Amino acid sequence: MSQTQASAKYNAKTYEEIKLRVKKGQKNEIKTYAKLQGLSLNGYINKLIAEDMNRGL
């Protein structure tokens, strides 16, 4: 099994996906801002969700 196949199998077993829609051009803006924060786009979105959920408790 190739590394790519092994990663895909692990990801399918471990994670769920959420599709997010943003206006044209906004993805690159968010991605750039996330990078400035030292995060990937996914990491940045997950951080925002976690912070918001913690505030709500």
C-alpha atoms as a PDB file:
ATOM      1  CA  MET A   1       0.000   0.000   0.000  1.00  0.00           C
ATOM      2  CA  SER A   2       1.414   3.390  -0.971  1.00  0.00           C
ATOM      3  CA  GLN A   3       1.794   6.192   1.553  1.00  0.00           C
ATOM      4  CA  THR A   4      -0.972   8.134  -0.210  1.00  0.00           C
ATOM      5  CA  GLN A   5      -3.366   5.209   0.056  1.00  0.00           C
ATOM      6  CA  ALA A   6      -2.457   4.627   3.702  1.00  0.00           C
ATOM      7  CA  SER A   7      -3.030   8.319   4.499  1.00  0.00           C
ATOM      8  CA  ALA A   8      -6.397   8.302   2.704  1.00  0.00           C
ATOM      9  CA  LYS A   9      -7.476   5.185   4.617  1.00  0.00           C
ATOM     10  CA  TYR A  10      -6.409   6.711   7.955  1.00  0.00           C
ATOM     11  CA  ASN A  11      -8.143  10.026   7.189  1.00  0.00           C
ATOM     12  CA  ALA A  12     -11.379   8.274   6.172  1.00  0.00           C
ATOM     13  CA  LYS A  13     -11.379   6.290   9.414  1.00  0.00           C
ATOM     14  CA  THR A  14     -10.367   9.178  11.692  1.00  0.00           C
ATOM     15  CA  TYR A  15     -11.947  12.368  10.333  1.00  0.00           C
ATOM     16  CA  GLU A  16     -15.226  13.729   9.026  1.00  0.00           C
ATOM     17  CA  GLU A  17     -15.451  16.434   6.398  1.00  0.00           C
ATOM     18  CA  ILE A  18     -17.532  19.605   6.423  1.00  0.00           C
ATOM     19  CA  LYS A  19     -17.947  21.514   3.186  1.00  0.00           C
ATOM     20  CA  LEU A  20     -17.657  25.281   3.572  1.00  0.00           C
ATOM     21  CA  ARG A  21     -18.663  27.776   0.905  1.00  0.00           C
ATOM     22  CA  VAL A  22     -17.203  31.278   0.702  1.00  0.00           C
ATOM     23  CA  LYS A  23     -17.452  34.005  -1.922  1.00  0.00           C
ATOM     24  CA  LYS A  24     -14.995  33.993  -4.812  1.00  0.00           C
ATOM     25  CA  GLY A  25     -11.588  35.286  -3.733  1.00  0.00           C
ATOM     26  CA  GLN A  26     -12.350  34.952  -0.038  1.00  0.00           C
ATOM     27  CA  LYS A  27     -10.679  31.543   0.232  1.00  0.00           C
ATOM     28  CA  ASN A  28      -7.297  33.013  -0.690  1.00  0.00           C
ATOM     29  CA  GLU A  29      -7.769  35.886   1.751  1.00  0.00           C
ATOM     30  CA  ILE A  30      -8.575  33.479   4.585  1.00  0.00           C
ATOM     31  CA  LYS A  31      -5.737  31.140   3.618  1.00  0.00           C
ATOM     32  CA  THR A  32      -3.262  34.043   3.601  1.00  0.00           C
ATOM     33  CA  TYR A  33      -4.456  35.271   6.994  1.00  0.00           C
ATOM     34  CA  ALA A  34      -4.241  31.748   8.427  1.00  0.00           C
ATOM     35  CA  LYS A  35      -0.668  31.472   7.173  1.00  0.00           C
ATOM     36  CA  LEU A  36       0.196  34.773   8.901  1.00  0.00           C
ATOM     37  CA  GLN A  37      -1.117  33.182  12.114  1.00  0.00           C
ATOM     38  CA  GLY A  38       1.153  30.171  11.541  1.00  0.00           C
ATOM     39  CA  LEU A  39      -1.768  27.889  10.729  1.00  0.00           C
ATOM     40  CA  SER A  40      -3.085  25.946   7.781  1.00  0.00           C
ATOM     41  CA  LEU A  41      -6.511  26.888   6.457  1.00  0.00           C
ATOM     42  CA  ASN A  42      -7.982  23.813   8.139  1.00  0.00           C
ATOM     43  CA  GLY A  43      -6.153  24.524  11.387  1.00  0.00           C
ATOM     44  CA  TYR A  44      -7.354  28.119  11.392  1.00  0.00           C
ATOM     45  CA  ILE A  45     -10.989  27.157  10.835  1.00  0.00           C
ATOM     46  CA  ASN A  46     -10.816  24.478  13.536  1.00  0.00           C
ATOM     47  CA  LYS A  47      -9.231  26.992  15.949  1.00  0.00           C
ATOM     48  CA  LEU A  48     -12.036  29.501  15.330  1.00  0.00           C
ATOM     49  CA  ILE A  49     -14.708  26.858  15.856  1.00  0.00           C
ATOM     50  CA  ALA A  50     -13.103  25.618  19.088  1.00  0.00           C
ATOM     51  CA  GLU A  51     -12.730  29.167  20.453  1.00  0.00           C
ATOM     52  CA  ASP A  52     -16.332  30.030  19.618  1.00  0.00           C
ATOM     53  CA  MET A  53     -17.670  26.837  21.156  1.00  0.00           C
ATOM     54  CA  ASN A  54     -15.636  27.403  24.330  1.00  0.00           C
ATOM     55  CA  ARG A  55     -17.036  30.945  24.661  1.00  0.00           C
ATOM     56  CA  GLY A  56     -20.543  29.584  24.360  1.00  0.00           C
ATOM     57  CA  LEU A  57     -20.220  27.298  27.378  1.00  0.00           C
END
